[in-house]
Every structure is written in structure tokens, then in C-alpha cells.
Amino acid sequence: LIDELPIIALAATQAEGTTVIRDAQELKV
């Protein structure tokens, strides 16, 4: 889901609680 993480992050802003995304260093490049 590497390409979908930005939109997943948006979903998480509207979700109940704290979402943590790890191991996604690839997003930096």
C-alpha cells in the first residue's frame, strides 16, 4: 500500500483514535 499511504493518512484524520504508520521510509524517495 506504499502509494496509498497519503490517502490512508487522510482517512486516519477522521478516524476515532491515534493511527500509527511505521516502516514507510520508501515514501521519502
mmCIF file of all heavy atoms, coordinates in Angstrom:
data_MODEL
# 
_entry.id   MODEL 
# 
loop_
_atom_site.group_PDB 
_atom_site.id 
_atom_site.type_symbol 
_atom_site.label_atom_id 
_atom_site.label_alt_id 
_atom_site.label_comp_id 
_atom_site.label_asym_id 
_atom_site.label_entity_id 
_atom_site.label_seq_id 
_atom_site.pdbx_PDB_ins_code 
_atom_site.Cartn_x 
_atom_site.Cartn_y 
_atom_site.Cartn_z 
_atom_site.occupancy 
_atom_site.B_iso_or_equiv 
_atom_site.pdbx_formal_charge 
_atom_site.auth_seq_id 
_atom_site.auth_comp_id 
_atom_site.auth_asym_id 
_atom_site.auth_atom_id 
_atom_site.pdbx_PDB_model_num 
ATOM 1   N N   . LEU A 1 1  ? 0.809   -1.213 0.000  1.00 0.00 ? 1  LEU A N   1 
ATOM 2   C CA  . LEU A 1 1  ? 0.000   0.000  0.000  1.00 0.00 ? 1  LEU A CA  1 
ATOM 3   C C   . LEU A 1 1  ? 0.848   1.271  0.000  1.00 0.00 ? 1  LEU A C   1 
ATOM 4   O O   . LEU A 1 1  ? 0.360   2.349  0.345  1.00 0.00 ? 1  LEU A O   1 
ATOM 5   C CB  . LEU A 1 1  ? -1.002  0.006  1.182  1.00 0.00 ? 1  LEU A CB  1 
ATOM 6   C CG  . LEU A 1 1  ? -0.495  -0.331 2.599  1.00 0.00 ? 1  LEU A CG  1 
ATOM 7   C CD1 . LEU A 1 1  ? 0.490   0.635  3.143  1.00 0.00 ? 1  LEU A CD1 1 
ATOM 8   C CD2 . LEU A 1 1  ? -1.673  -0.478 3.531  1.00 0.00 ? 1  LEU A CD2 1 
ATOM 9   N N   . ILE A 1 2  ? 2.098   1.152  -0.417 1.00 0.00 ? 2  ILE A N   1 
ATOM 10  C CA  . ILE A 1 2  ? 3.033   2.277  -0.294 1.00 0.00 ? 2  ILE A CA  1 
ATOM 11  C C   . ILE A 1 2  ? 2.503   3.531  -0.999 1.00 0.00 ? 2  ILE A C   1 
ATOM 12  O O   . ILE A 1 2  ? 2.611   4.645  -0.477 1.00 0.00 ? 2  ILE A O   1 
ATOM 13  C CB  . ILE A 1 2  ? 4.452   1.886  -0.800 1.00 0.00 ? 2  ILE A CB  1 
ATOM 14  C CG1 . ILE A 1 2  ? 5.487   2.952  -0.395 1.00 0.00 ? 2  ILE A CG1 1 
ATOM 15  C CG2 . ILE A 1 2  ? 4.460   1.601  -2.297 1.00 0.00 ? 2  ILE A CG2 1 
ATOM 16  C CD1 . ILE A 1 2  ? 5.845   2.937  1.048  1.00 0.00 ? 2  ILE A CD1 1 
ATOM 17  N N   . ASP A 1 3  ? 1.893   3.360  -2.177 1.00 0.00 ? 3  ASP A N   1 
ATOM 18  C CA  . ASP A 1 3  ? 1.406   4.526  -2.924 1.00 0.00 ? 3  ASP A CA  1 
ATOM 19  C C   . ASP A 1 3  ? 0.128   5.124  -2.323 1.00 0.00 ? 3  ASP A C   1 
ATOM 20  O O   . ASP A 1 3  ? -0.242  6.252  -2.629 1.00 0.00 ? 3  ASP A O   1 
ATOM 21  C CB  . ASP A 1 3  ? 1.153   4.157  -4.386 1.00 0.00 ? 3  ASP A CB  1 
ATOM 22  C CG  . ASP A 1 3  ? 2.451   4.000  -5.167 1.00 0.00 ? 3  ASP A CG  1 
ATOM 23  O OD1 . ASP A 1 3  ? 3.446   4.656  -4.799 1.00 0.00 ? 3  ASP A OD1 1 
ATOM 24  O OD2 . ASP A 1 3  ? 2.473   3.218  -6.134 1.00 0.00 ? 3  ASP A OD2 1 
ATOM 25  N N   . GLU A 1 4  ? -0.554  4.340  -1.497 1.00 0.00 ? 4  GLU A N   1 
ATOM 26  C CA  . GLU A 1 4  ? -1.836  4.778  -0.949 1.00 0.00 ? 4  GLU A CA  1 
ATOM 27  C C   . GLU A 1 4  ? -1.709  5.413  0.435  1.00 0.00 ? 4  GLU A C   1 
ATOM 28  O O   . GLU A 1 4  ? -2.714  5.861  1.007  1.00 0.00 ? 4  GLU A O   1 
ATOM 29  C CB  . GLU A 1 4  ? -2.821  3.599  -0.876 1.00 0.00 ? 4  GLU A CB  1 
ATOM 30  C CG  . GLU A 1 4  ? -3.266  3.085  -2.209 1.00 0.00 ? 4  GLU A CG  1 
ATOM 31  C CD  . GLU A 1 4  ? -2.225  2.256  -2.943 1.00 0.00 ? 4  GLU A CD  1 
ATOM 32  O OE1 . GLU A 1 4  ? -1.771  1.238  -2.388 1.00 0.00 ? 4  GLU A OE1 1 
ATOM 33  O OE2 . GLU A 1 4  ? -1.829  2.632  -4.053 1.00 0.00 ? 4  GLU A OE2 1 
ATOM 34  N N   . LEU A 1 5  ? -0.512  5.477  0.979  1.00 0.00 ? 5  LEU A N   1 
ATOM 35  C CA  . LEU A 1 5  ? -0.370  5.973  2.346  1.00 0.00 ? 5  LEU A CA  1 
ATOM 36  C C   . LEU A 1 5  ? -0.821  7.429  2.539  1.00 0.00 ? 5  LEU A C   1 
ATOM 37  O O   . LEU A 1 5  ? -1.396  7.754  3.573  1.00 0.00 ? 5  LEU A O   1 
ATOM 38  C CB  . LEU A 1 5  ? 1.063   5.765  2.854  1.00 0.00 ? 5  LEU A CB  1 
ATOM 39  C CG  . LEU A 1 5  ? 1.346   4.304  3.295  1.00 0.00 ? 5  LEU A CG  1 
ATOM 40  C CD1 . LEU A 1 5  ? 2.822   4.094  3.573  1.00 0.00 ? 5  LEU A CD1 1 
ATOM 41  C CD2 . LEU A 1 5  ? 0.517   3.920  4.521  1.00 0.00 ? 5  LEU A CD2 1 
ATOM 42  N N   . PRO A 1 6  ? -0.595  8.343  1.576  1.00 0.00 ? 6  PRO A N   1 
ATOM 43  C CA  . PRO A 1 6  ? -1.124  9.696  1.794  1.00 0.00 ? 6  PRO A CA  1 
ATOM 44  C C   . PRO A 1 6  ? -2.645  9.734  1.982  1.00 0.00 ? 6  PRO A C   1 
ATOM 45  O O   . PRO A 1 6  ? -3.154  10.445 2.863  1.00 0.00 ? 6  PRO A O   1 
ATOM 46  C CB  . PRO A 1 6  ? -0.691  10.454 0.526  1.00 0.00 ? 6  PRO A CB  1 
ATOM 47  C CG  . PRO A 1 6  ? 0.551   9.743  0.085  1.00 0.00 ? 6  PRO A CG  1 
ATOM 48  C CD  . PRO A 1 6  ? 0.294   8.305  0.384  1.00 0.00 ? 6  PRO A CD  1 
ATOM 49  N N   . ILE A 1 7  ? -3.382  8.972  1.174  1.00 0.00 ? 7  ILE A N   1 
ATOM 50  C CA  . ILE A 1 7  ? -4.848  8.988  1.307  1.00 0.00 ? 7  ILE A CA  1 
ATOM 51  C C   . ILE A 1 7  ? -5.278  8.216  2.557  1.00 0.00 ? 7  ILE A C   1 
ATOM 52  O O   . ILE A 1 7  ? -6.285  8.568  3.202  1.00 0.00 ? 7  ILE A O   1 
ATOM 53  C CB  . ILE A 1 7  ? -5.552  8.489  0.020  1.00 0.00 ? 7  ILE A CB  1 
ATOM 54  C CG1 . ILE A 1 7  ? -7.053  8.789  0.063  1.00 0.00 ? 7  ILE A CG1 1 
ATOM 55  C CG2 . ILE A 1 7  ? -5.310  7.012  -0.245 1.00 0.00 ? 7  ILE A CG2 1 
ATOM 56  C CD1 . ILE A 1 7  ? -7.410  10.229 0.026  1.00 0.00 ? 7  ILE A CD1 1 
ATOM 57  N N   . ILE A 1 8  ? -4.528  7.174  2.936  1.00 0.00 ? 8  ILE A N   1 
ATOM 58  C CA  . ILE A 1 8  ? -4.812  6.480  4.199  1.00 0.00 ? 8  ILE A CA  1 
ATOM 59  C C   . ILE A 1 8  ? -4.618  7.447  5.373  1.00 0.00 ? 8  ILE A C   1 
ATOM 60  O O   . ILE A 1 8  ? -5.389  7.449  6.336  1.00 0.00 ? 8  ILE A O   1 
ATOM 61  C CB  . ILE A 1 8  ? -3.924  5.224  4.353  1.00 0.00 ? 8  ILE A CB  1 
ATOM 62  C CG1 . ILE A 1 8  ? -4.366  4.150  3.355  1.00 0.00 ? 8  ILE A CG1 1 
ATOM 63  C CG2 . ILE A 1 8  ? -3.982  4.676  5.783  1.00 0.00 ? 8  ILE A CG2 1 
ATOM 64  C CD1 . ILE A 1 8  ? -3.423  2.963  3.269  1.00 0.00 ? 8  ILE A CD1 1 
ATOM 65  N N   . ALA A 1 9  ? -3.582  8.292  5.279  1.00 0.00 ? 9  ALA A N   1 
ATOM 66  C CA  . ALA A 1 9  ? -3.337  9.289  6.332  1.00 0.00 ? 9  ALA A CA  1 
ATOM 67  C C   . ALA A 1 9  ? -4.526  10.234 6.466  1.00 0.00 ? 9  ALA A C   1 
ATOM 68  O O   . ALA A 1 9  ? -4.934  10.592 7.576  1.00 0.00 ? 9  ALA A O   1 
ATOM 69  C CB  . ALA A 1 9  ? -2.062  10.069 6.041  1.00 0.00 ? 9  ALA A CB  1 
ATOM 70  N N   . LEU A 1 10 ? -5.097  10.635 5.328  1.00 0.00 ? 10 LEU A N   1 
ATOM 71  C CA  . LEU A 1 10 ? -6.292  11.488 5.382  1.00 0.00 ? 10 LEU A CA  1 
ATOM 72  C C   . LEU A 1 10 ? -7.439  10.752 6.074  1.00 0.00 ? 10 LEU A C   1 
ATOM 73  O O   . LEU A 1 10 ? -8.121  11.327 6.932  1.00 0.00 ? 10 LEU A O   1 
ATOM 74  C CB  . LEU A 1 10 ? -6.713  11.915 3.975  1.00 0.00 ? 10 LEU A CB  1 
ATOM 75  C CG  . LEU A 1 10 ? -8.054  12.672 3.903  1.00 0.00 ? 10 LEU A CG  1 
ATOM 76  C CD1 . LEU A 1 10 ? -7.984  13.988 4.681  1.00 0.00 ? 10 LEU A CD1 1 
ATOM 77  C CD2 . LEU A 1 10 ? -8.475  12.915 2.461  1.00 0.00 ? 10 LEU A CD2 1 
ATOM 78  N N   . ALA A 1 11 ? -7.665  9.490  5.717  1.00 0.00 ? 11 ALA A N   1 
ATOM 79  C CA  . ALA A 1 11 ? -8.722  8.702  6.370  1.00 0.00 ? 11 ALA A CA  1 
ATOM 80  C C   . ALA A 1 11 ? -8.509  8.683  7.883  1.00 0.00 ? 11 ALA A C   1 
ATOM 81  O O   . ALA A 1 11 ? -9.453  8.823  8.670  1.00 0.00 ? 11 ALA A O   1 
ATOM 82  C CB  . ALA A 1 11 ? -8.744  7.277  5.813  1.00 0.00 ? 11 ALA A CB  1 
ATOM 83  N N   . ALA A 1 12 ? -7.243  8.553  8.279  1.00 0.00 ? 12 ALA A N   1 
ATOM 84  C CA  . ALA A 1 12 ? -6.913  8.466  9.707  1.00 0.00 ? 12 ALA A CA  1 
ATOM 85  C C   . ALA A 1 12 ? -7.229  9.765  10.461 1.00 0.00 ? 12 ALA A C   1 
ATOM 86  O O   . ALA A 1 12 ? -7.532  9.735  11.652 1.00 0.00 ? 12 ALA A O   1 
ATOM 87  C CB  . ALA A 1 12 ? -5.451  8.088  9.878  1.00 0.00 ? 12 ALA A CB  1 
ATOM 88  N N   . THR A 1 13 ? -7.182  10.916 9.748  1.00 0.00 ? 13 THR A N   1 
ATOM 89  C CA  . THR A 1 13 ? -7.514  12.191 10.422 1.00 0.00 ? 13 THR A CA  1 
ATOM 90  C C   . THR A 1 13 ? -8.973  12.226 10.852 1.00 0.00 ? 13 THR A C   1 
ATOM 91  O O   . THR A 1 13 ? -9.353  13.002 11.732 1.00 0.00 ? 13 THR A O   1 
ATOM 92  C CB  . THR A 1 13 ? -7.237  13.423 9.532  1.00 0.00 ? 13 THR A CB  1 
ATOM 93  O OG1 . THR A 1 13 ? -8.180  13.452 8.418  1.00 0.00 ? 13 THR A OG1 1 
ATOM 94  C CG2 . THR A 1 13 ? -5.812  13.441 9.016  1.00 0.00 ? 13 THR A CG2 1 
ATOM 95  N N   . GLN A 1 14 ? -9.819  11.377 10.232 1.00 0.00 ? 14 GLN A N   1 
ATOM 96  C CA  . GLN A 1 14 ? -11.253 11.353 10.534 1.00 0.00 ? 14 GLN A CA  1 
ATOM 97  C C   . GLN A 1 14 ? -11.639 10.113 11.347 1.00 0.00 ? 14 GLN A C   1 
ATOM 98  O O   . GLN A 1 14 ? -12.820 9.903  11.642 1.00 0.00 ? 14 GLN A O   1 
ATOM 99  C CB  . GLN A 1 14 ? -12.069 11.396 9.235  1.00 0.00 ? 14 GLN A CB  1 
ATOM 100 C CG  . GLN A 1 14 ? -11.733 12.580 8.321  1.00 0.00 ? 14 GLN A CG  1 
ATOM 101 C CD  . GLN A 1 14 ? -11.847 13.912 9.040  1.00 0.00 ? 14 GLN A CD  1 
ATOM 102 O OE1 . GLN A 1 14 ? -12.903 14.266 9.528  1.00 0.00 ? 14 GLN A OE1 1 
ATOM 103 N NE2 . GLN A 1 14 ? -10.743 14.663 9.127  1.00 0.00 ? 14 GLN A NE2 1 
ATOM 104 N N   . ALA A 1 15 ? -10.660 9.288  11.690 1.00 0.00 ? 15 ALA A N   1 
ATOM 105 C CA  . ALA A 1 15 ? -10.932 8.051  12.425 1.00 0.00 ? 15 ALA A CA  1 
ATOM 106 C C   . ALA A 1 15 ? -10.834 8.296  13.929 1.00 0.00 ? 15 ALA A C   1 
ATOM 107 O O   . ALA A 1 15 ? -10.116 9.191  14.389 1.00 0.00 ? 15 ALA A O   1 
ATOM 108 C CB  . ALA A 1 15 ? -9.944  6.968  11.997 1.00 0.00 ? 15 ALA A CB  1 
ATOM 109 N N   . GLU A 1 16 ? -11.508 7.446  14.668 1.00 0.00 ? 16 GLU A N   1 
ATOM 110 C CA  . GLU A 1 16 ? -11.513 7.560  16.132 1.00 0.00 ? 16 GLU A CA  1 
ATOM 111 C C   . GLU A 1 16 ? -10.227 6.962  16.703 1.00 0.00 ? 16 GLU A C   1 
ATOM 112 O O   . GLU A 1 16 ? -9.976  5.776  16.538 1.00 0.00 ? 16 GLU A O   1 
ATOM 113 C CB  . GLU A 1 16 ? -12.730 6.802  16.706 1.00 0.00 ? 16 GLU A CB  1 
ATOM 114 C CG  . GLU A 1 16 ? -13.101 7.161  18.140 1.00 0.00 ? 16 GLU A CG  1 
ATOM 115 C CD  . GLU A 1 16 ? -13.584 8.582  18.317 1.00 0.00 ? 16 GLU A CD  1 
ATOM 116 O OE1 . GLU A 1 16 ? -14.450 9.054  17.545 1.00 0.00 ? 16 GLU A OE1 1 
ATOM 117 O OE2 . GLU A 1 16 ? -13.080 9.203  19.267 1.00 0.00 ? 16 GLU A OE2 1 
ATOM 118 N N   . GLY A 1 17 ? -9.385  7.825  17.329 1.00 0.00 ? 17 GLY A N   1 
ATOM 119 C CA  . GLY A 1 17 ? -8.156  7.335  17.947 1.00 0.00 ? 17 GLY A CA  1 
ATOM 120 C C   . GLY A 1 17 ? -6.908  7.771  17.191 1.00 0.00 ? 17 GLY A C   1 
ATOM 121 O O   . GLY A 1 17 ? -6.960  8.576  16.255 1.00 0.00 ? 17 GLY A O   1 
ATOM 122 N N   . THR A 1 18 ? -5.770  7.212  17.585 1.00 0.00 ? 18 THR A N   1 
ATOM 123 C CA  . THR A 1 18 ? -4.468  7.587  17.011 1.00 0.00 ? 18 THR A CA  1 
ATOM 124 C C   . THR A 1 18 ? -3.964  6.476  16.096 1.00 0.00 ? 18 THR A C   1 
ATOM 125 O O   . THR A 1 18 ? -3.781  5.336  16.519 1.00 0.00 ? 18 THR A O   1 
ATOM 126 C CB  . THR A 1 18 ? -3.440  7.854  18.128 1.00 0.00 ? 18 THR A CB  1 
ATOM 127 O OG1 . THR A 1 18 ? -3.909  8.956  18.917 1.00 0.00 ? 18 THR A OG1 1 
ATOM 128 C CG2 . THR A 1 18 ? -2.077  8.211  17.550 1.00 0.00 ? 18 THR A CG2 1 
ATOM 129 N N   . THR A 1 19 ? -3.746  6.807  14.826 1.00 0.00 ? 19 THR A N   1 
ATOM 130 C CA  . THR A 1 19 ? -3.212  5.868  13.837 1.00 0.00 ? 19 THR A CA  1 
ATOM 131 C C   . THR A 1 19 ? -1.701  6.062  13.736 1.00 0.00 ? 19 THR A C   1 
ATOM 132 O O   . THR A 1 19 ? -1.216  7.195  13.658 1.00 0.00 ? 19 THR A O   1 
ATOM 133 C CB  . THR A 1 19 ? -3.864  6.091  12.465 1.00 0.00 ? 19 THR A CB  1 
ATOM 134 O OG1 . THR A 1 19 ? -5.262  5.755  12.562 1.00 0.00 ? 19 THR A OG1 1 
ATOM 135 C CG2 . THR A 1 19 ? -3.216  5.236  11.378 1.00 0.00 ? 19 THR A CG2 1 
ATOM 136 N N   . VAL A 1 20 ? -0.976  4.941  13.737 1.00 0.00 ? 20 VAL A N   1 
ATOM 137 C CA  . VAL A 1 20 ? 0.489   4.986  13.622 1.00 0.00 ? 20 VAL A CA  1 
ATOM 138 C C   . VAL A 1 20 ? 0.903   4.235  12.356 1.00 0.00 ? 20 VAL A C   1 
ATOM 139 O O   . VAL A 1 20 ? 0.497   3.087  12.143 1.00 0.00 ? 20 VAL A O   1 
ATOM 140 C CB  . VAL A 1 20 ? 1.163   4.353  14.863 1.00 0.00 ? 20 VAL A CB  1 
ATOM 141 C CG1 . VAL A 1 20 ? 2.684   4.412  14.719 1.00 0.00 ? 20 VAL A CG1 1 
ATOM 142 C CG2 . VAL A 1 20 ? 0.722   5.066  16.142 1.00 0.00 ? 20 VAL A CG2 1 
ATOM 143 N N   . ILE A 1 21 ? 1.710   4.903  11.508 1.00 0.00 ? 21 ILE A N   1 
ATOM 144 C CA  . ILE A 1 21 ? 2.271   4.286  10.299 1.00 0.00 ? 21 ILE A CA  1 
ATOM 145 C C   . ILE A 1 21 ? 3.785   4.175  10.486 1.00 0.00 ? 21 ILE A C   1 
ATOM 146 O O   . ILE A 1 21 ? 4.456   5.175  10.754 1.00 0.00 ? 21 ILE A O   1 
ATOM 147 C CB  . ILE A 1 21 ? 1.946   5.123  9.046  1.00 0.00 ? 21 ILE A CB  1 
ATOM 148 C CG1 . ILE A 1 21 ? 0.424   5.231  8.855  1.00 0.00 ? 21 ILE A CG1 1 
ATOM 149 C CG2 . ILE A 1 21 ? 2.601   4.507  7.805  1.00 0.00 ? 21 ILE A CG2 1 
ATOM 150 C CD1 . ILE A 1 21 ? 0.002   6.198  7.753  1.00 0.00 ? 21 ILE A CD1 1 
ATOM 151 N N   . ARG A 1 22 ? 4.317   2.949  10.376 1.00 0.00 ? 22 ARG A N   1 
ATOM 152 C CA  . ARG A 1 22 ? 5.763   2.710  10.517 1.00 0.00 ? 22 ARG A CA  1 
ATOM 153 C C   . ARG A 1 22 ? 6.303   2.012  9.270  1.00 0.00 ? 22 ARG A C   1 
ATOM 154 O O   . ARG A 1 22 ? 5.549   1.496  8.454  1.00 0.00 ? 22 ARG A O   1 
ATOM 155 C CB  . ARG A 1 22 ? 6.043   1.817  11.739 1.00 0.00 ? 22 ARG A CB  1 
ATOM 156 C CG  . ARG A 1 22 ? 5.635   2.386  13.086 1.00 0.00 ? 22 ARG A CG  1 
ATOM 157 C CD  . ARG A 1 22 ? 6.208   1.536  14.217 1.00 0.00 ? 22 ARG A CD  1 
ATOM 158 N NE  . ARG A 1 22 ? 5.698   1.958  15.516 1.00 0.00 ? 22 ARG A NE  1 
ATOM 159 C CZ  . ARG A 1 22 ? 4.608   1.469  16.085 1.00 0.00 ? 22 ARG A CZ  1 
ATOM 160 N NH1 . ARG A 1 22 ? 3.927   0.495  15.476 1.00 0.00 ? 22 ARG A NH1 1 
ATOM 161 N NH2 . ARG A 1 22 ? 4.204   1.912  17.268 1.00 0.00 ? 22 ARG A NH2 1 
ATOM 162 N N   . ASP A 1 23 ? 7.653   1.958  9.182  1.00 0.00 ? 23 ASP A N   1 
ATOM 163 C CA  . ASP A 1 23 ? 8.352   1.188  8.139  1.00 0.00 ? 23 ASP A CA  1 
ATOM 164 C C   . ASP A 1 23 ? 8.099   1.718  6.725  1.00 0.00 ? 23 ASP A C   1 
ATOM 165 O O   . ASP A 1 23 ? 8.197   0.983  5.742  1.00 0.00 ? 23 ASP A O   1 
ATOM 166 C CB  . ASP A 1 23 ? 7.978   -0.313 8.196  1.00 0.00 ? 23 ASP A CB  1 
ATOM 167 C CG  . ASP A 1 23 ? 8.224   -0.929 9.562  1.00 0.00 ? 23 ASP A CG  1 
ATOM 168 O OD1 . ASP A 1 23 ? 9.253   -0.599 10.179 1.00 0.00 ? 23 ASP A OD1 1 
ATOM 169 O OD2 . ASP A 1 23 ? 7.370   -1.725 10.023 1.00 0.00 ? 23 ASP A OD2 1 
ATOM 170 N N   . ALA A 1 24 ? 7.773   3.013  6.638  1.00 0.00 ? 24 ALA A N   1 
ATOM 171 C CA  . ALA A 1 24 ? 7.414   3.585  5.336  1.00 0.00 ? 24 ALA A CA  1 
ATOM 172 C C   . ALA A 1 24 ? 8.492   4.541  4.816  1.00 0.00 ? 24 ALA A C   1 
ATOM 173 O O   . ALA A 1 24 ? 8.183   5.533  4.155  1.00 0.00 ? 24 ALA A O   1 
ATOM 174 C CB  . ALA A 1 24 ? 6.067   4.294  5.446  1.00 0.00 ? 24 ALA A CB  1 
ATOM 175 N N   . GLN A 1 25 ? 9.768   4.237  5.089  1.00 0.00 ? 25 GLN A N   1 
ATOM 176 C CA  . GLN A 1 25 ? 10.870  5.109  4.657  1.00 0.00 ? 25 GLN A CA  1 
ATOM 177 C C   . GLN A 1 25 ? 10.855  5.350  3.147  1.00 0.00 ? 25 GLN A C   1 
ATOM 178 O O   . GLN A 1 25 ? 11.310  6.382  2.666  1.00 0.00 ? 25 GLN A O   1 
ATOM 179 C CB  . GLN A 1 25 ? 12.244  4.503  5.021  1.00 0.00 ? 25 GLN A CB  1 
ATOM 180 C CG  . GLN A 1 25 ? 12.499  4.002  6.290  1.00 0.00 ? 25 GLN A CG  1 
ATOM 181 C CD  . GLN A 1 25 ? 12.068  2.618  6.661  1.00 0.00 ? 25 GLN A CD  1 
ATOM 182 O OE1 . GLN A 1 25 ? 10.986  2.225  6.305  1.00 0.00 ? 25 GLN A OE1 1 
ATOM 183 N NE2 . GLN A 1 25 ? 12.911  1.887  7.387  1.00 0.00 ? 25 GLN A NE2 1 
ATOM 184 N N   . GLU A 1 26 ? 10.321  4.356  2.400  1.00 0.00 ? 26 GLU A N   1 
ATOM 185 C CA  . GLU A 1 26 ? 10.297  4.437  0.941  1.00 0.00 ? 26 GLU A CA  1 
ATOM 186 C C   . GLU A 1 26 ? 9.537   5.681  0.463  1.00 0.00 ? 26 GLU A C   1 
ATOM 187 O O   . GLU A 1 26 ? 9.783   6.196  -0.639 1.00 0.00 ? 26 GLU A O   1 
ATOM 188 C CB  . GLU A 1 26 ? 9.661   3.156  0.388  1.00 0.00 ? 26 GLU A CB  1 
ATOM 189 C CG  . GLU A 1 26 ? 9.824   2.915  -1.072 1.00 0.00 ? 26 GLU A CG  1 
ATOM 190 C CD  . GLU A 1 26 ? 11.236  2.667  -1.548 1.00 0.00 ? 26 GLU A CD  1 
ATOM 191 O OE1 . GLU A 1 26 ? 12.154  2.538  -0.719 1.00 0.00 ? 26 GLU A OE1 1 
ATOM 192 O OE2 . GLU A 1 26 ? 11.405  2.643  -2.767 1.00 0.00 ? 26 GLU A OE2 1 
ATOM 193 N N   . LEU A 1 27 ? 8.612   6.179  1.295  1.00 0.00 ? 27 LEU A N   1 
ATOM 194 C CA  . LEU A 1 27 ? 7.837   7.366  0.915  1.00 0.00 ? 27 LEU A CA  1 
ATOM 195 C C   . LEU A 1 27 ? 8.712   8.606  0.742  1.00 0.00 ? 27 LEU A C   1 
ATOM 196 O O   . LEU A 1 27 ? 8.300   9.578  0.115  1.00 0.00 ? 27 LEU A O   1 
ATOM 197 C CB  . LEU A 1 27 ? 6.770   7.660  1.977  1.00 0.00 ? 27 LEU A CB  1 
ATOM 198 C CG  . LEU A 1 27 ? 5.503   6.795  1.966  1.00 0.00 ? 27 LEU A CG  1 
ATOM 199 C CD1 . LEU A 1 27 ? 4.564   7.232  3.059  1.00 0.00 ? 27 LEU A CD1 1 
ATOM 200 C CD2 . LEU A 1 27 ? 4.807   6.844  0.625  1.00 0.00 ? 27 LEU A CD2 1 
ATOM 201 N N   . LYS A 1 28 ? 9.909   8.561  1.313  1.00 0.00 ? 28 LYS A N   1 
ATOM 202 C CA  . LYS A 1 28 ? 10.780  9.743  1.241  1.00 0.00 ? 28 LYS A CA  1 
ATOM 203 C C   . LYS A 1 28 ? 11.401  9.924  -0.136 1.00 0.00 ? 28 LYS A C   1 
ATOM 204 O O   . LYS A 1 28 ? 11.922  10.990 -0.446 1.00 0.00 ? 28 LYS A O   1 
ATOM 205 C CB  . LYS A 1 28 ? 11.895  9.636  2.295  1.00 0.00 ? 28 LYS A CB  1 
ATOM 206 C CG  . LYS A 1 28 ? 11.386  9.744  3.729  1.00 0.00 ? 28 LYS A CG  1 
ATOM 207 C CD  . LYS A 1 28 ? 12.539  9.710  4.713  1.00 0.00 ? 28 LYS A CD  1 
ATOM 208 C CE  . LYS A 1 28 ? 12.075  9.953  6.140  1.00 0.00 ? 28 LYS A CE  1 
ATOM 209 N NZ  . LYS A 1 28 ? 13.178  9.956  7.105  1.00 0.00 ? 28 LYS A NZ  1 
ATOM 210 N N   . VAL A 1 29 ? 11.385  8.854  -0.960 1.00 0.00 ? 29 VAL A N   1 
ATOM 211 C CA  . VAL A 1 29 ? 12.059  8.931  -2.263 1.00 0.00 ? 29 VAL A CA  1 
ATOM 212 C C   . VAL A 1 29 ? 11.073  8.746  -3.412 1.00 0.00 ? 29 VAL A C   1 
ATOM 213 O O   . VAL A 1 29 ? 11.403  8.237  -4.476 1.00 0.00 ? 29 VAL A O   1 
ATOM 214 C CB  . VAL A 1 29 ? 13.227  7.916  -2.371 1.00 0.00 ? 29 VAL A CB  1 
ATOM 215 C CG1 . VAL A 1 29 ? 14.354  8.312  -1.440 1.00 0.00 ? 29 VAL A CG1 1 
ATOM 216 C CG2 . VAL A 1 29 ? 12.756  6.499  -2.078 1.00 0.00 ? 29 VAL A CG2 1 
# 
